[in-house]
Amino acid sequence: MPDSDRPIDPLPDDFGSEEAAAAFWDSHSIADYEEFLEPVDFQVNVNRRHFEIEVYEECFVAVRETARKQHKPVKQLASEIIKQRLASI
């Protein structure tokens, strides 16, 4: 609940950019703007999970360079390499 003793900045009609919106919400609380919130109906698909693994720097640099040459995201190429290697075991 907003503190009634402090002034609340008006909510901008348009932030103009994602960066401006992020800067605004970094320094403001959504609790101060509850009257502007509207319920939404949406579904979230959480079937895909992401994991982090530690690799040596030289391995990452090599994968990144190869991914750049192949015009692929690093995570895609890394996953392909791991799948191929596991299939050959």
N, C-alpha and C. Protein backbone atom coordinates (compact mmCIF):
# COMPACT_ATOMS: atom_id res chain seq x y z
N MET A 1 0.85 -1.18 0.00
CA MET A 1 0.00 0.00 0.00
C MET A 1 0.89 1.24 0.00
N PRO A 2 0.57 2.25 -0.82
CA PRO A 2 1.43 3.44 -0.89
C PRO A 2 1.44 4.22 0.41
N ASP A 3 2.56 4.83 0.68
CA ASP A 3 2.70 5.69 1.85
C ASP A 3 2.01 7.01 1.53
N SER A 4 0.93 7.33 2.24
CA SER A 4 0.12 8.51 1.92
C SER A 4 0.84 9.82 2.20
N ASP A 5 1.97 9.79 2.90
CA ASP A 5 2.70 11.02 3.21
C ASP A 5 3.67 11.44 2.10
N ARG A 6 3.94 10.57 1.17
CA ARG A 6 4.88 10.94 0.12
C ARG A 6 4.17 11.08 -1.22
N PRO A 7 4.61 12.01 -2.02
CA PRO A 7 3.97 12.18 -3.34
C PRO A 7 4.33 11.02 -4.27
N ILE A 8 3.38 10.67 -5.11
CA ILE A 8 3.59 9.60 -6.08
C ILE A 8 3.74 10.24 -7.45
N ASP A 9 4.82 9.89 -8.14
CA ASP A 9 5.02 10.40 -9.51
C ASP A 9 3.89 9.89 -10.40
N PRO A 10 3.43 10.72 -11.32
CA PRO A 10 2.40 10.23 -12.24
C PRO A 10 2.94 9.11 -13.11
N LEU A 11 2.07 8.17 -13.44
CA LEU A 11 2.45 7.07 -14.32
C LEU A 11 2.48 7.60 -15.76
N PRO A 12 3.60 7.48 -16.45
CA PRO A 12 3.67 7.99 -17.83
C PRO A 12 2.68 7.28 -18.74
N ASP A 13 2.10 8.01 -19.68
CA ASP A 13 1.20 7.41 -20.68
C ASP A 13 1.99 6.51 -21.62
N ASP A 14 3.23 6.90 -21.90
CA ASP A 14 4.08 6.15 -22.81
C ASP A 14 5.52 6.31 -22.33
N PHE A 15 6.20 5.21 -22.12
CA PHE A 15 7.58 5.29 -21.65
C PHE A 15 8.54 5.63 -22.79
N GLY A 16 8.15 5.35 -24.01
CA GLY A 16 8.99 5.69 -25.15
C GLY A 16 9.98 4.60 -25.53
N SER A 17 10.45 3.84 -24.54
CA SER A 17 11.39 2.76 -24.82
C SER A 17 11.39 1.79 -23.65
N GLU A 18 11.91 0.59 -23.90
CA GLU A 18 12.03 -0.39 -22.81
C GLU A 18 12.99 0.12 -21.74
N GLU A 19 14.03 0.82 -22.17
CA GLU A 19 15.01 1.35 -21.22
C GLU A 19 14.38 2.38 -20.29
N ALA A 20 13.51 3.23 -20.86
CA ALA A 20 12.84 4.24 -20.04
C ALA A 20 11.88 3.58 -19.06
N ALA A 21 11.17 2.55 -19.52
CA ALA A 21 10.26 1.82 -18.63
C ALA A 21 11.04 1.14 -17.52
N ALA A 22 12.17 0.52 -17.87
CA ALA A 22 13.00 -0.15 -16.86
C ALA A 22 13.52 0.85 -15.84
N ALA A 23 13.97 2.01 -16.30
CA ALA A 23 14.47 3.03 -15.38
C ALA A 23 13.37 3.50 -14.44
N PHE A 24 12.16 3.67 -14.97
CA PHE A 24 11.04 4.11 -14.13
C PHE A 24 10.76 3.07 -13.04
N TRP A 25 10.62 1.78 -13.45
CA TRP A 25 10.26 0.75 -12.48
C TRP A 25 11.42 0.39 -11.56
N ASP A 26 12.64 0.72 -11.92
CA ASP A 26 13.77 0.51 -11.01
C ASP A 26 13.67 1.44 -9.80
N SER A 27 12.99 2.57 -9.98
CA SER A 27 12.92 3.55 -8.89
C SER A 27 11.50 3.79 -8.37
N HIS A 28 10.55 2.96 -8.79
CA HIS A 28 9.16 3.09 -8.35
C HIS A 28 8.60 1.72 -7.97
N SER A 29 7.60 1.71 -7.13
CA SER A 29 6.97 0.47 -6.71
C SER A 29 5.63 0.29 -7.42
N ILE A 30 5.38 -0.90 -7.91
CA ILE A 30 4.10 -1.20 -8.54
C ILE A 30 2.95 -1.03 -7.54
N ALA A 31 3.26 -1.20 -6.26
CA ALA A 31 2.23 -1.05 -5.22
C ALA A 31 1.65 0.37 -5.21
N ASP A 32 2.41 1.33 -5.67
CA ASP A 32 1.93 2.71 -5.71
C ASP A 32 0.97 2.96 -6.88
N TYR A 33 0.86 2.00 -7.79
CA TYR A 33 0.07 2.19 -9.00
C TYR A 33 -0.98 1.09 -9.17
N GLU A 34 -1.45 0.52 -8.05
CA GLU A 34 -2.42 -0.58 -8.12
C GLU A 34 -3.69 -0.18 -8.85
N GLU A 35 -4.09 1.06 -8.75
CA GLU A 35 -5.33 1.50 -9.41
C GLU A 35 -5.26 1.38 -10.93
N PHE A 36 -4.05 1.30 -11.48
CA PHE A 36 -3.88 1.21 -12.93
C PHE A 36 -3.76 -0.24 -13.42
N LEU A 37 -3.66 -1.17 -12.49
CA LEU A 37 -3.49 -2.57 -12.87
C LEU A 37 -4.80 -3.16 -13.36
N GLU A 38 -4.70 -4.00 -14.37
CA GLU A 38 -5.87 -4.68 -14.92
C GLU A 38 -5.58 -6.18 -14.95
N PRO A 39 -6.58 -6.99 -14.61
CA PRO A 39 -6.36 -8.44 -14.69
C PRO A 39 -6.17 -8.87 -16.14
N VAL A 40 -5.33 -9.85 -16.34
CA VAL A 40 -5.10 -10.40 -17.67
C VAL A 40 -5.24 -11.92 -17.61
N ASP A 41 -5.58 -12.50 -18.73
CA ASP A 41 -5.70 -13.94 -18.83
C ASP A 41 -4.65 -14.41 -19.82
N PHE A 42 -3.70 -15.22 -19.35
CA PHE A 42 -2.68 -15.73 -20.25
C PHE A 42 -2.19 -17.07 -19.72
N GLN A 43 -1.59 -17.83 -20.60
CA GLN A 43 -1.03 -19.11 -20.23
C GLN A 43 0.49 -19.06 -20.40
N VAL A 44 1.17 -19.77 -19.55
CA VAL A 44 2.62 -19.84 -19.61
C VAL A 44 3.03 -21.28 -19.86
N ASN A 45 3.87 -21.47 -20.84
CA ASN A 45 4.39 -22.80 -21.13
C ASN A 45 5.77 -22.91 -20.49
N VAL A 46 5.88 -23.74 -19.48
CA VAL A 46 7.14 -23.88 -18.76
C VAL A 46 7.79 -25.24 -19.02
N ASN A 47 7.50 -25.80 -20.19
CA ASN A 47 8.09 -27.10 -20.53
C ASN A 47 9.59 -27.00 -20.79
N ARG A 48 10.05 -25.87 -21.25
CA ARG A 48 11.46 -25.70 -21.58
C ARG A 48 12.21 -25.18 -20.36
N ARG A 49 13.31 -25.83 -20.04
CA ARG A 49 14.13 -25.39 -18.91
C ARG A 49 15.52 -25.07 -19.42
N HIS A 50 16.19 -24.18 -18.74
CA HIS A 50 17.54 -23.78 -19.11
C HIS A 50 18.47 -24.10 -17.95
N PHE A 51 19.67 -24.56 -18.28
CA PHE A 51 20.65 -24.94 -17.27
C PHE A 51 21.96 -24.22 -17.56
N GLU A 52 22.72 -24.01 -16.54
CA GLU A 52 24.05 -23.43 -16.70
C GLU A 52 25.09 -24.47 -16.34
N ILE A 53 26.15 -24.53 -17.13
CA ILE A 53 27.28 -25.38 -16.80
C ILE A 53 28.55 -24.55 -16.93
N GLU A 54 29.52 -24.88 -16.11
CA GLU A 54 30.79 -24.16 -16.20
C GLU A 54 31.66 -24.83 -17.25
N VAL A 55 32.29 -24.02 -18.07
CA VAL A 55 33.23 -24.53 -19.07
C VAL A 55 34.49 -23.67 -18.99
N TYR A 56 35.57 -24.24 -19.49
CA TYR A 56 36.80 -23.47 -19.54
C TYR A 56 36.64 -22.32 -20.53
N GLU A 57 37.30 -21.22 -20.23
CA GLU A 57 37.17 -20.03 -21.07
C GLU A 57 37.52 -20.33 -22.53
N GLU A 58 38.60 -21.08 -22.75
CA GLU A 58 39.01 -21.34 -24.12
C GLU A 58 37.95 -22.16 -24.87
N CYS A 59 37.23 -23.02 -24.18
CA CYS A 59 36.14 -23.78 -24.82
C CYS A 59 35.00 -22.83 -25.20
N PHE A 60 34.63 -21.95 -24.30
CA PHE A 60 33.56 -21.01 -24.60
C PHE A 60 33.93 -20.12 -25.78
N VAL A 61 35.15 -19.61 -25.78
CA VAL A 61 35.59 -18.72 -26.86
C VAL A 61 35.55 -19.46 -28.19
N ALA A 62 35.98 -20.73 -28.20
CA ALA A 62 35.96 -21.51 -29.45
C ALA A 62 34.53 -21.76 -29.92
N VAL A 63 33.63 -22.09 -29.01
CA VAL A 63 32.23 -22.31 -29.39
C VAL A 63 31.61 -21.00 -29.87
N ARG A 64 31.89 -19.91 -29.19
CA ARG A 64 31.34 -18.62 -29.60
C ARG A 64 31.80 -18.24 -31.00
N GLU A 65 33.07 -18.44 -31.29
CA GLU A 65 33.61 -18.10 -32.61
C GLU A 65 33.01 -18.98 -33.69
N THR A 66 32.89 -20.27 -33.40
CA THR A 66 32.28 -21.19 -34.36
C THR A 66 30.81 -20.84 -34.58
N ALA A 67 30.10 -20.52 -33.53
CA ALA A 67 28.69 -20.14 -33.64
C ALA A 67 28.55 -18.89 -34.50
N ARG A 68 29.45 -17.94 -34.30
CA ARG A 68 29.41 -16.71 -35.10
C ARG A 68 29.60 -17.04 -36.58
N LYS A 69 30.56 -17.90 -36.87
CA LYS A 69 30.84 -18.28 -38.26
C LYS A 69 29.65 -19.01 -38.88
N GLN A 70 28.93 -19.79 -38.06
CA GLN A 70 27.79 -20.56 -38.56
C GLN A 70 26.47 -19.78 -38.45
N HIS A 71 26.55 -18.56 -37.96
CA HIS A 71 25.36 -17.71 -37.79
C HIS A 71 24.31 -18.40 -36.91
N LYS A 72 24.77 -18.93 -35.79
CA LYS A 72 23.90 -19.61 -34.83
C LYS A 72 24.10 -19.00 -33.46
N PRO A 73 23.09 -19.08 -32.61
CA PRO A 73 23.29 -18.69 -31.21
C PRO A 73 24.25 -19.67 -30.53
N VAL A 74 25.04 -19.18 -29.61
CA VAL A 74 26.01 -20.02 -28.89
C VAL A 74 25.30 -21.19 -28.21
N LYS A 75 24.16 -20.92 -27.56
CA LYS A 75 23.48 -22.00 -26.84
C LYS A 75 23.01 -23.10 -27.79
N GLN A 76 22.62 -22.73 -29.02
CA GLN A 76 22.19 -23.74 -29.99
C GLN A 76 23.36 -24.61 -30.40
N LEU A 77 24.48 -24.00 -30.74
CA LEU A 77 25.65 -24.77 -31.15
C LEU A 77 26.15 -25.64 -30.01
N ALA A 78 26.21 -25.10 -28.81
CA ALA A 78 26.68 -25.87 -27.66
C ALA A 78 25.78 -27.09 -27.43
N SER A 79 24.47 -26.90 -27.54
CA SER A 79 23.54 -28.02 -27.37
C SER A 79 23.74 -29.07 -28.46
N GLU A 80 23.95 -28.62 -29.69
CA GLU A 80 24.19 -29.55 -30.80
C GLU A 80 25.45 -30.37 -30.56
N ILE A 81 26.51 -29.73 -30.12
CA ILE A 81 27.77 -30.42 -29.87
C ILE A 81 27.59 -31.46 -28.76
N ILE A 82 26.91 -31.08 -27.69
CA ILE A 82 26.70 -32.01 -26.58
C ILE A 82 25.85 -33.20 -27.03
N LYS A 83 24.77 -32.93 -27.77
CA LYS A 83 23.91 -34.02 -28.26
C LYS A 83 24.70 -34.97 -29.16
N GLN A 84 25.50 -34.42 -30.09
CA GLN A 84 26.28 -35.26 -31.00
C GLN A 84 27.28 -36.11 -30.23
N ARG A 85 27.94 -35.50 -29.27
CA ARG A 85 28.94 -36.25 -28.50
C ARG A 85 28.29 -37.35 -27.67
N LEU A 86 27.16 -37.06 -27.06
CA LEU A 86 26.47 -38.07 -26.25
C LEU A 86 25.94 -39.20 -27.12
N ALA A 87 25.53 -38.89 -28.34
CA ALA A 87 25.03 -39.93 -29.24
C ALA A 87 26.14 -40.88 -29.67
N SER A 88 27.37 -40.43 -29.62
CA SER A 88 28.50 -41.27 -30.06
C SER A 88 29.12 -42.08 -28.92
N ILE A 89 28.59 -41.93 -27.73
CA ILE A 89 29.15 -42.67 -26.57
C ILE A 89 28.57 -44.07 -26.52
